[in-house]
Structures are given as structure tokens and as C-alpha cells.
N, C-alpha and C. Protein backbone atom coordinates (compact mmCIF):
# COMPACT_ATOMS: atom_id res chain seq x y z
N UNK A 1 79.85 75.06 69.51
CA UNK A 1 79.25 76.05 70.40
C UNK A 1 79.61 77.43 69.87
N UNK A 2 78.61 78.22 69.58
CA UNK A 2 78.89 79.57 69.09
C UNK A 2 79.14 80.52 70.26
N UNK A 3 79.47 81.74 69.94
CA UNK A 3 79.85 82.74 70.96
C UNK A 3 78.74 82.98 71.96
N UNK A 4 77.49 83.09 71.49
CA UNK A 4 76.37 83.33 72.41
C UNK A 4 76.17 82.17 73.37
N UNK A 5 76.28 80.95 72.87
CA UNK A 5 76.13 79.77 73.73
C UNK A 5 77.25 79.72 74.76
N UNK A 6 78.45 80.05 74.31
CA UNK A 6 79.59 80.05 75.22
C UNK A 6 79.38 81.07 76.34
N UNK A 7 79.00 82.28 75.98
CA UNK A 7 78.77 83.32 76.98
C UNK A 7 77.66 82.93 77.94
N UNK A 8 76.59 82.33 77.42
CA UNK A 8 75.48 81.89 78.28
C UNK A 8 75.95 80.80 79.24
N UNK A 9 76.80 79.89 78.76
CA UNK A 9 77.32 78.82 79.62
C UNK A 9 78.20 79.40 80.72
N UNK A 10 79.02 80.38 80.39
CA UNK A 10 79.88 81.01 81.38
C UNK A 10 79.05 81.74 82.43
N UNK A 11 78.05 82.49 81.99
CA UNK A 11 77.18 83.21 82.92
C UNK A 11 76.46 82.23 83.84
N UNK A 12 75.98 81.13 83.31
CA UNK A 12 75.28 80.12 84.12
C UNK A 12 76.23 79.49 85.15
N UNK A 13 77.45 79.19 84.71
CA UNK A 13 78.44 78.63 85.63
C UNK A 13 78.74 79.60 86.78
N UNK A 14 78.95 80.85 86.43
CA UNK A 14 79.23 81.85 87.46
C UNK A 14 78.05 82.00 88.41
N UNK A 15 76.84 81.99 87.88
CA UNK A 15 75.65 82.12 88.71
C UNK A 15 75.53 80.94 89.68
N UNK A 16 75.79 79.73 89.20
CA UNK A 16 75.67 78.53 90.05
C UNK A 16 76.78 78.44 91.08
N UNK A 17 78.00 78.75 90.68
CA UNK A 17 79.16 78.56 91.56
C UNK A 17 79.48 79.77 92.42
N UNK A 18 78.93 80.93 92.09
CA UNK A 18 79.20 82.11 92.89
C UNK A 18 80.60 82.67 92.68
N UNK A 19 81.20 82.39 91.55
CA UNK A 19 82.53 82.89 91.24
C UNK A 19 82.45 84.39 91.02
N UNK A 20 83.36 85.14 91.66
CA UNK A 20 83.34 86.59 91.50
C UNK A 20 84.58 87.10 90.79
N UNK A 21 85.62 86.27 90.68
CA UNK A 21 86.85 86.69 90.01
C UNK A 21 87.37 85.56 89.14
N UNK A 22 88.09 85.91 88.14
CA UNK A 22 88.74 84.93 87.29
C UNK A 22 90.00 84.45 87.99
N UNK A 23 90.12 83.16 88.33
CA UNK A 23 91.31 82.67 89.03
C UNK A 23 92.60 82.95 88.27
N UNK A 24 92.56 82.84 86.95
CA UNK A 24 93.76 83.10 86.17
C UNK A 24 94.17 84.56 86.29
N UNK A 25 93.22 85.45 86.26
CA UNK A 25 93.53 86.87 86.36
C UNK A 25 94.10 87.21 87.73
N UNK A 26 93.67 86.51 88.76
CA UNK A 26 94.15 86.78 90.11
C UNK A 26 95.52 86.16 90.36
N UNK A 27 95.90 85.18 89.56
CA UNK A 27 97.16 84.47 89.78
C UNK A 27 98.36 85.18 89.17
N UNK A 28 98.15 86.02 88.22
CA UNK A 28 99.25 86.66 87.52
C UNK A 28 99.20 88.17 87.67
N UNK A 29 100.35 88.79 87.60
CA UNK A 29 100.43 90.25 87.67
C UNK A 29 99.73 90.87 86.47
N UNK A 30 99.20 92.02 86.67
CA UNK A 30 98.55 92.73 85.58
C UNK A 30 99.43 93.91 85.17
N UNK A 31 99.01 94.60 84.16
CA UNK A 31 99.75 95.76 83.70
C UNK A 31 99.31 97.03 84.43
N UNK A 32 98.34 96.91 85.32
CA UNK A 32 97.84 98.07 86.05
C UNK A 32 98.86 98.62 87.02
N UNK A 33 98.66 99.84 87.45
CA UNK A 33 99.53 100.45 88.44
C UNK A 33 98.76 100.61 89.74
N UNK A 34 99.48 100.50 90.83
CA UNK A 34 98.88 100.64 92.15
C UNK A 34 99.23 102.02 92.68
N UNK A 35 98.24 102.77 93.12
CA UNK A 35 98.51 104.11 93.65
C UNK A 35 99.47 104.06 94.84
N UNK A 36 100.25 105.09 94.99
CA UNK A 36 101.24 105.17 96.06
C UNK A 36 100.60 105.01 97.43
N UNK A 37 99.44 105.60 97.63
CA UNK A 37 98.76 105.50 98.94
C UNK A 37 98.37 104.05 99.24
N UNK A 38 97.95 103.31 98.22
CA UNK A 38 97.59 101.91 98.43
C UNK A 38 98.82 101.07 98.75
N UNK A 39 99.93 101.36 98.07
CA UNK A 39 101.17 100.63 98.36
C UNK A 39 101.61 100.90 99.79
N UNK A 40 101.52 102.15 100.22
CA UNK A 40 101.91 102.51 101.59
C UNK A 40 100.99 101.83 102.60
N UNK A 41 99.71 101.78 102.31
CA UNK A 41 98.76 101.12 103.21
C UNK A 41 99.07 99.63 103.32
N UNK A 42 99.42 99.00 102.21
CA UNK A 42 99.78 97.58 102.23
C UNK A 42 101.04 97.36 103.04
N UNK A 43 102.04 98.22 102.87
CA UNK A 43 103.26 98.10 103.65
C UNK A 43 102.97 98.24 105.14
N UNK A 44 102.11 99.18 105.51
CA UNK A 44 101.74 99.35 106.92
C UNK A 44 101.03 98.11 107.45
N UNK A 45 100.14 97.55 106.64
CA UNK A 45 99.41 96.35 107.03
C UNK A 45 100.38 95.19 107.26
N UNK A 46 101.30 95.00 106.33
CA UNK A 46 102.28 93.91 106.45
C UNK A 46 103.14 94.11 107.70
N UNK A 47 103.58 95.33 107.95
CA UNK A 47 104.39 95.61 109.13
C UNK A 47 103.61 95.33 110.41
N UNK A 48 102.35 95.71 110.44
CA UNK A 48 101.52 95.46 111.63
C UNK A 48 101.31 93.97 111.85
N UNK A 49 101.10 93.23 110.78
CA UNK A 49 100.94 91.77 110.90
C UNK A 49 102.22 91.13 111.42
N UNK A 50 103.36 91.56 110.91
CA UNK A 50 104.64 91.01 111.34
C UNK A 50 104.88 91.34 112.81
N UNK A 51 104.57 92.56 113.24
CA UNK A 51 104.73 92.96 114.64
C UNK A 51 103.86 92.07 115.53
N UNK A 52 102.61 91.86 115.11
CA UNK A 52 101.70 91.02 115.88
C UNK A 52 102.20 89.58 115.95
N UNK A 53 102.71 89.07 114.83
CA UNK A 53 103.24 87.71 114.80
C UNK A 53 104.40 87.57 115.78
N UNK A 54 105.30 88.54 115.78
CA UNK A 54 106.44 88.51 116.69
C UNK A 54 106.00 88.59 118.15
N UNK A 55 104.99 89.41 118.42
CA UNK A 55 104.47 89.52 119.79
C UNK A 55 103.88 88.19 120.27
N UNK A 56 103.17 87.51 119.38
CA UNK A 56 102.59 86.21 119.74
C UNK A 56 103.68 85.18 120.02
N UNK A 57 104.72 85.19 119.21
CA UNK A 57 105.83 84.26 119.43
C UNK A 57 106.49 84.54 120.78
N UNK A 58 106.72 85.81 121.09
CA UNK A 58 107.33 86.17 122.36
C UNK A 58 106.44 85.76 123.53
N UNK A 59 105.15 85.93 123.40
CA UNK A 59 104.22 85.55 124.47
C UNK A 59 104.24 84.04 124.69
N UNK A 60 104.29 83.28 123.62
CA UNK A 60 104.34 81.81 123.76
C UNK A 60 105.64 81.38 124.43
N UNK A 61 106.73 82.04 124.06
CA UNK A 61 108.01 81.69 124.68
C UNK A 61 107.99 81.99 126.17
N UNK A 62 107.42 83.13 126.54
CA UNK A 62 107.32 83.46 127.97
C UNK A 62 106.43 82.44 128.67
N UNK A 63 105.34 82.06 128.04
CA UNK A 63 104.39 81.11 128.64
C UNK A 63 105.06 79.77 128.92
N UNK A 64 105.91 79.32 128.00
CA UNK A 64 106.54 78.03 128.16
C UNK A 64 107.96 78.13 128.75
N UNK A 65 108.35 79.34 129.15
CA UNK A 65 109.63 79.53 129.80
C UNK A 65 110.83 79.34 128.89
N UNK A 66 110.65 79.62 127.61
CA UNK A 66 111.76 79.47 126.66
C UNK A 66 112.54 80.76 126.57
N UNK A 67 113.81 80.63 126.21
CA UNK A 67 114.63 81.83 126.04
C UNK A 67 114.37 82.43 124.67
N UNK A 68 114.97 83.58 124.41
CA UNK A 68 114.78 84.27 123.15
C UNK A 68 115.39 83.58 121.95
N UNK A 69 116.37 82.71 122.16
CA UNK A 69 116.99 82.01 121.03
C UNK A 69 116.57 80.55 121.04
N UNK A 70 116.57 79.95 119.87
CA UNK A 70 116.15 78.55 119.75
C UNK A 70 117.29 77.61 119.93
């Protein structure tokens, strides 16, 4: 299979399967840098998710009459 055939096969596979990203590229860290604002936004997102998770746990404990410790 020459280079053109290979590229055509890859394009056809992507078209049929709807792949938008390379799984290998997404699985490993890259050499790129993340802007400070994006890092801060991610930290805020993670903190908000953790706060929500803790609130849900507390609500379930109240619902079932459990104490704060396990």
C-alpha cells in the first residue's frame, strides 16, 4: 500500500466511523502549553464539581437519616 492509498483508507475510515480525534493523541500528554486562564477555569470547574458531589452526598445522608461519619 503506497502513501496515497494509505491516506485514502484513513480518510474513508474516519468518514465512516465519525472519528474526530486520534485516540492515541488524546491518551498521552502533549508538548503544548495550556494558558493560565484555561488552567484556572479547569480548577474552578473541578472545585464546583467536587462541591456539588459533596452536597449530593450530604443530601442522601439526610434523606436516609445517616450521620456525617461512616
